[in-house]
Amino acid sequence: MADISITQQHALSLQQAKDAAQQVAERMAAEYDMSTQWEDNVLRFERSGLEGSLTVQAQQVQVDITLGGFFKNFAPMIEDKIGRNIAKTFGAAG
């Protein structure tokens, strides 16, 4: 079960949402040394102590993250930061 789960509505086309998710993935990979991989409309990401997915659907995105021991201590801060970034990227104003 995910430690962090965030759902964000969006008004983008599916391709626009996937493009936005790819930009997020590139930033995460660079900033947090994460590996990312697409499986259809699901972007999977991981690094030591953290793994998750960003699922792109027609009108919403869903982020689910499982945290390892050390990262569990920072779950509220991680959730807040990711929530703000997802809202900024996929918010209804788009």
Protein backbone atom coordinates (compact mmCIF):
# COMPACT_ATOMS: atom_id res chain seq x y z
CA MET A 1 0.00 0.00 0.00
CA ALA A 2 1.25 3.46 -0.90
CA ASP A 3 2.47 5.79 1.84
CA ILE A 4 1.53 8.81 -0.28
CA SER A 5 -1.41 8.93 -2.69
CA ILE A 6 -2.41 12.11 -4.53
CA THR A 7 -5.13 12.56 -7.14
CA GLN A 8 -5.24 15.74 -9.24
CA GLN A 9 -7.89 16.64 -11.79
CA HIS A 10 -6.72 18.20 -15.05
CA ALA A 11 -8.19 19.72 -18.20
CA LEU A 12 -5.40 18.61 -20.54
CA SER A 13 -5.64 16.15 -23.39
CA LEU A 14 -4.21 12.74 -22.59
CA GLN A 15 -1.12 13.49 -24.69
CA GLN A 16 -0.64 16.91 -23.05
CA ALA A 17 -0.91 15.27 -19.63
CA LYS A 18 1.66 12.61 -20.62
CA ASP A 19 3.97 15.33 -21.92
CA ALA A 20 3.62 17.23 -18.63
CA ALA A 21 4.29 14.01 -16.70
CA GLN A 22 7.42 13.46 -18.78
CA GLN A 23 8.67 16.92 -17.83
CA VAL A 24 8.04 16.07 -14.16
CA ALA A 25 9.91 12.79 -14.63
CA GLU A 26 12.91 14.54 -16.16
CA ARG A 27 13.06 16.99 -13.25
CA MET A 28 12.74 14.18 -10.69
CA ALA A 29 15.42 12.12 -12.41
CA ALA A 30 17.84 15.04 -12.39
CA GLU A 31 17.04 16.40 -8.94
CA TYR A 32 16.61 13.13 -7.02
CA ASP A 33 18.69 10.65 -9.03
CA MET A 34 15.62 8.59 -9.92
CA SER A 35 15.11 6.17 -12.74
CA THR A 36 11.86 6.52 -14.67
CA GLN A 37 10.08 4.31 -17.18
CA TRP A 38 6.76 4.51 -19.03
CA GLU A 39 4.41 1.52 -19.17
CA ASP A 40 1.47 2.66 -21.35
CA ASN A 41 -0.04 5.59 -19.38
CA VAL A 42 1.83 4.83 -16.16
CA LEU A 43 5.14 6.48 -15.37
CA ARG A 44 7.07 4.37 -12.85
CA PHE A 45 9.90 5.92 -10.86
CA GLU A 46 12.30 4.70 -8.23
CA ARG A 47 15.46 5.31 -6.30
CA SER A 48 16.92 3.77 -3.22
CA GLY A 49 14.25 3.98 -0.48
CA LEU A 50 11.43 5.22 -2.68
CA GLU A 51 9.30 3.89 -5.53
CA GLY A 52 6.10 4.99 -7.12
CA SER A 53 3.96 5.66 -10.12
CA LEU A 54 2.19 8.52 -11.83
CA THR A 55 -0.87 7.27 -13.71
CA VAL A 56 -2.19 9.58 -16.43
CA GLN A 57 -5.90 9.32 -17.22
CA ALA A 58 -8.22 11.39 -19.38
CA GLN A 59 -9.22 13.85 -16.63
CA GLN A 60 -6.92 13.14 -13.72
CA VAL A 61 -3.51 11.98 -12.64
CA GLN A 62 -2.83 9.69 -9.70
CA VAL A 63 0.49 9.59 -7.86
CA ASP A 64 1.23 6.68 -5.52
CA ILE A 65 4.52 6.47 -3.63
CA THR A 66 5.90 3.84 -1.28
CA LEU A 67 8.61 5.08 1.06
CA GLY A 68 11.46 3.12 2.61
CA GLY A 69 12.40 3.39 6.29
CA PHE A 70 14.37 6.65 6.26
CA PHE A 71 11.96 8.45 3.93
CA LYS A 72 8.92 7.48 6.05
CA ASN A 73 10.11 10.03 8.62
CA PHE A 74 9.66 12.77 6.02
CA ALA A 75 6.35 11.57 4.50
CA PRO A 76 4.36 14.76 5.36
CA MET A 77 7.01 17.03 3.82
CA ILE A 78 7.40 14.83 0.75
CA GLU A 79 3.62 14.65 0.27
CA ASP A 80 3.27 18.43 0.59
CA LYS A 81 6.02 19.14 -1.95
CA ILE A 82 4.74 16.59 -4.45
CA GLY A 83 1.15 17.76 -3.99
CA ARG A 84 2.10 21.36 -4.75
CA ASN A 85 4.15 20.34 -7.80
CA ILE A 86 1.37 18.12 -9.16
CA ALA A 87 -1.22 20.86 -8.62
CA LYS A 88 1.02 23.38 -10.39
CA THR A 89 1.69 21.03 -13.30
CA PHE A 90 -1.80 19.57 -13.77
CA GLY A 91 -4.09 22.10 -12.10
CA ALA A 92 -7.41 22.85 -13.81
CA ALA A 93 -6.01 26.14 -15.15
CA GLY A 94 -3.43 23.86 -16.79
